[in-house]
Protein backbone atom coordinates (compact mmCIF):
# COMPACT_ATOMS: atom_id res chain seq x y z
CA UNK A 1 58.91 272.36 160.72
CA UNK A 2 56.85 269.94 158.82
CA UNK A 3 55.00 267.13 160.70
CA UNK A 4 56.69 263.63 160.78
CA UNK A 5 55.24 261.32 158.10
CA UNK A 6 53.14 258.36 159.58
CA UNK A 7 54.00 256.28 156.51
CA UNK A 8 57.25 255.82 154.28
CA UNK A 9 57.66 256.53 150.55
CA UNK A 10 57.92 252.68 150.14
CA UNK A 11 54.43 252.23 151.86
CA UNK A 12 52.84 254.81 149.83
CA UNK A 13 54.32 253.60 146.53
CA UNK A 14 53.37 250.21 147.27
CA UNK A 15 49.67 251.09 147.79
CA UNK A 16 49.91 253.10 144.48
CA UNK A 17 51.27 250.14 142.77
CA UNK A 18 48.55 247.77 143.86
CA UNK A 19 45.96 250.30 142.81
CA UNK A 20 47.72 250.64 139.42
CA UNK A 21 47.70 246.95 139.04
CA UNK A 22 43.98 246.84 139.46
CA UNK A 23 42.53 249.75 137.80
CA UNK A 24 45.50 251.66 136.27
CA UNK A 25 47.33 254.94 137.49
CA UNK A 26 44.30 257.24 136.53
CA UNK A 27 42.49 255.76 139.34
CA UNK A 28 45.08 256.44 141.97
CA UNK A 29 44.61 259.80 143.84
CA UNK A 30 45.88 260.98 147.04
CA UNK A 31 42.41 260.70 148.66
CA UNK A 32 42.26 256.95 147.86
CA UNK A 33 45.97 256.31 148.97
CA UNK A 34 45.09 257.90 152.18
CA UNK A 35 42.13 256.08 152.66
CA UNK A 36 43.72 252.60 151.82
CA UNK A 37 46.48 253.65 154.50
CA UNK A 38 43.98 254.89 156.98
CA UNK A 39 45.44 258.45 156.91
CA UNK A 40 44.46 261.74 155.20
CA UNK A 41 46.01 262.61 151.99
CA UNK A 42 48.27 265.35 153.42
CA UNK A 43 51.19 262.73 154.18
CA UNK A 44 51.68 261.88 150.73
CA UNK A 45 52.75 265.34 149.87
CA UNK A 46 55.05 265.38 152.81
CA UNK A 47 57.26 262.75 150.97
CA UNK A 48 56.40 263.24 147.44
CA UNK A 49 56.53 266.44 145.53
CA UNK A 50 53.61 265.59 143.24
CA UNK A 51 51.52 262.73 141.80
CA UNK A 52 54.05 262.48 138.95
CA UNK A 53 56.86 261.60 141.48
CA UNK A 54 54.41 258.69 142.87
CA UNK A 55 53.93 257.63 139.35
CA UNK A 56 57.77 257.32 138.70
CA UNK A 57 57.99 255.31 141.95
CA UNK A 58 55.24 252.87 140.56
CA UNK A 59 57.04 252.65 137.23
CA UNK A 60 59.95 251.26 139.22
CA UNK A 61 57.92 248.81 140.87
CA UNK A 62 56.24 247.80 137.61
CA UNK A 63 59.69 247.12 136.10
CA UNK A 64 60.86 245.05 138.99
CA UNK A 65 57.62 242.98 138.33
CA UNK A 66 58.53 242.37 134.90
CA UNK A 67 62.05 241.45 135.78
CA UNK A 68 60.64 238.61 137.87
CA UNK A 69 58.85 237.44 134.76
CA UNK A 70 62.01 237.07 132.77
CA UNK A 71 64.33 236.30 135.76
CA UNK A 72 64.76 232.82 134.65
CA UNK A 73 64.83 232.92 130.92
CA UNK A 74 68.45 231.21 130.87
CA UNK A 75 66.72 228.05 132.17
CA UNK A 76 64.87 227.63 128.73
CA UNK A 77 66.04 227.10 125.18
CA UNK A 78 65.90 229.00 122.95
CA UNK A 79 66.21 231.63 125.88
CA UNK A 80 65.58 234.60 123.62
CA UNK A 81 62.14 233.33 122.56
CA UNK A 82 61.13 232.52 126.16
CA UNK A 83 61.98 236.24 127.04
CA UNK A 84 59.49 237.24 124.24
CA UNK A 85 56.95 234.69 125.65
CA UNK A 86 57.20 236.14 129.08
CA UNK A 87 56.87 239.71 127.83
CA UNK A 88 53.57 238.75 126.10
CA UNK A 89 52.59 236.87 129.25
CA UNK A 90 53.23 239.97 131.32
CA UNK A 91 50.99 242.06 128.99
CA UNK A 92 48.20 239.54 129.38
CA UNK A 93 48.46 239.05 133.22
CA UNK A 94 49.55 242.77 134.05
CA UNK A 95 48.08 244.97 131.68
CA UNK A 96 47.73 247.81 133.56
CA UNK A 97 51.55 247.67 134.67
CA UNK A 98 52.35 247.30 131.07
CA UNK A 99 50.59 250.32 130.29
CA UNK A 100 52.23 252.52 132.86
CA UNK A 101 55.73 251.27 131.53
CA UNK A 102 55.32 251.48 127.87
CA UNK A 103 51.84 253.20 126.97
CA UNK A 104 51.19 255.88 129.28
CA UNK A 105 52.86 259.24 128.39
CA UNK A 106 56.04 260.04 130.23
CA UNK A 107 57.50 263.42 131.34
CA UNK A 108 59.56 263.50 128.23
CA UNK A 109 60.12 261.18 125.19
CA UNK A 110 63.38 259.09 125.09
CA UNK A 111 65.22 257.60 122.41
CA UNK A 112 64.83 254.10 121.55
CA UNK A 113 68.37 253.29 123.04
CA UNK A 114 67.17 254.76 126.19
CA UNK A 115 64.14 252.61 126.46
CA UNK A 116 66.27 249.52 125.78
CA UNK A 117 68.75 250.68 128.63
CA UNK A 118 65.56 250.86 131.09
CA UNK A 119 65.03 247.13 130.38
CA UNK A 120 68.22 246.73 132.38
CA UNK A 121 69.98 243.19 133.23
CA UNK A 122 67.12 241.04 131.18
CA UNK A 123 68.05 242.95 127.97
CA UNK A 124 71.75 242.77 128.45
CA UNK A 125 71.55 238.95 129.28
CA UNK A 126 69.50 238.45 126.13
CA UNK A 127 72.08 240.07 123.91
CA UNK A 128 74.82 237.98 125.48
CA UNK A 129 72.70 234.82 124.73
CA UNK A 130 72.08 235.94 121.36
CA UNK A 131 75.73 236.25 120.84
CA UNK A 132 76.53 232.86 122.19
CA UNK A 133 73.69 230.94 120.58
CA UNK A 134 73.98 232.31 117.08
CA UNK A 135 77.60 233.63 116.94
CA UNK A 136 76.83 237.26 116.51
CA UNK A 137 78.90 240.28 117.06
CA UNK A 138 77.77 243.13 119.70
CA UNK A 139 76.15 245.15 116.88
CA UNK A 140 74.31 242.26 115.45
CA UNK A 141 72.98 241.06 118.78
CA UNK A 142 71.77 244.42 119.48
CA UNK A 143 70.26 244.98 116.23
CA UNK A 144 68.54 241.49 116.37
CA UNK A 145 67.28 242.23 120.06
CA UNK A 146 65.96 245.76 119.17
CA UNK A 147 64.02 244.58 116.21
CA UNK A 148 62.57 241.39 117.56
CA UNK A 149 61.69 243.47 120.98
CA UNK A 150 59.85 245.97 118.69
CA UNK A 151 57.89 243.12 116.97
CA UNK A 152 57.12 241.57 120.26
CA UNK A 153 56.11 245.03 121.87
CA UNK A 154 53.55 245.54 118.91
CA UNK A 155 51.76 242.36 120.08
CA UNK A 156 51.65 243.23 123.53
CA UNK A 157 50.13 246.91 122.71
CA UNK A 158 47.38 244.97 120.67
CA UNK A 159 46.64 242.75 123.75
CA UNK A 160 46.82 245.49 126.29
CA UNK A 161 44.51 247.72 124.42
CA UNK A 162 42.14 244.88 123.82
CA UNK A 163 42.44 245.02 120.07
CA UNK A 164 43.38 241.48 119.62
CA UNK A 165 43.76 238.33 121.51
CA UNK A 166 46.38 235.51 120.57
CA UNK A 167 46.46 231.86 121.27
CA UNK A 168 49.61 230.19 122.62
CA UNK A 169 50.06 228.93 119.41
CA UNK A 170 49.82 232.28 117.72
CA UNK A 171 52.12 233.87 120.15
CA UNK A 172 54.76 231.14 119.56
CA UNK A 173 54.59 231.23 115.80
CA UNK A 174 54.47 235.00 115.59
CA UNK A 175 57.81 235.09 117.67
CA UNK A 176 59.33 232.45 115.66
CA UNK A 177 58.76 234.05 112.35
CA UNK A 178 59.75 237.53 113.45
CA UNK A 179 63.07 236.04 115.21
CA UNK A 180 64.03 233.76 112.34
CA UNK A 181 63.34 236.31 109.65
CA UNK A 182 65.32 239.01 111.31
CA UNK A 183 68.32 236.58 112.33
CA UNK A 184 68.45 235.27 108.56
CA UNK A 185 68.52 238.91 107.22
CA UNK A 186 71.35 239.77 109.75
CA UNK A 187 73.20 236.44 108.92
CA UNK A 188 72.87 237.36 105.05
CA UNK A 189 74.52 240.59 105.23
CA UNK A 190 72.15 241.90 102.73
CA UNK A 191 70.21 244.34 104.52
CA UNK A 192 69.57 247.68 102.84
CA UNK A 193 67.49 250.70 103.82
CA UNK A 194 64.95 250.77 101.02
CA UNK A 195 64.20 254.43 99.89
CA UNK A 196 60.69 255.36 99.05
CA UNK A 197 60.02 257.50 96.34
CA UNK A 198 56.90 258.58 94.01
CA UNK A 199 56.40 256.23 91.42
CA UNK A 200 55.13 259.17 89.05
CA UNK A 201 58.44 261.08 89.41
CA UNK A 202 60.43 257.84 88.81
CA UNK A 203 58.92 257.30 85.48
CA UNK A 204 59.50 260.86 84.16
């Protein structure tokens, strides 16, 4: 019979989460977790199969942290822009958590639809707001959300990887341009998937 664990999964996950916030998940080891808990590393594997399982719990806590950032977007207008602003703020303030959610390698790749689903209630709320504020259909709201989310995500990645820094004015302007451009395109009904072809062949 295995020894009874001195600490819970939640306690271990919380310690790993705080370590990740500070230094990234690569710095999280069983030995360091044990040291912070005042125990050896062995209890960790009494409750977790491996470190990848610990990482999944840290991701869940990171997502809860992100949800806290965007929880009150309905109190702002336009609410969807506030969602984008808070997402960028999360990347600025919690770069290691953003990294474990959206940059670090996962066990397996997911479809983009799956990634959007993982955003949970905030994404659902945003799509409902887009429908209400801009008189969009379900499909139009989903398309607008997904495309603007990708636009915002690219800015976050540049921030987290220290490639670029943006002023508040630049963040606001970039989000506005992306949103207004995509909304105008959807409203116009003129979107077409432009085919790429070799000009040399086209001229033959």
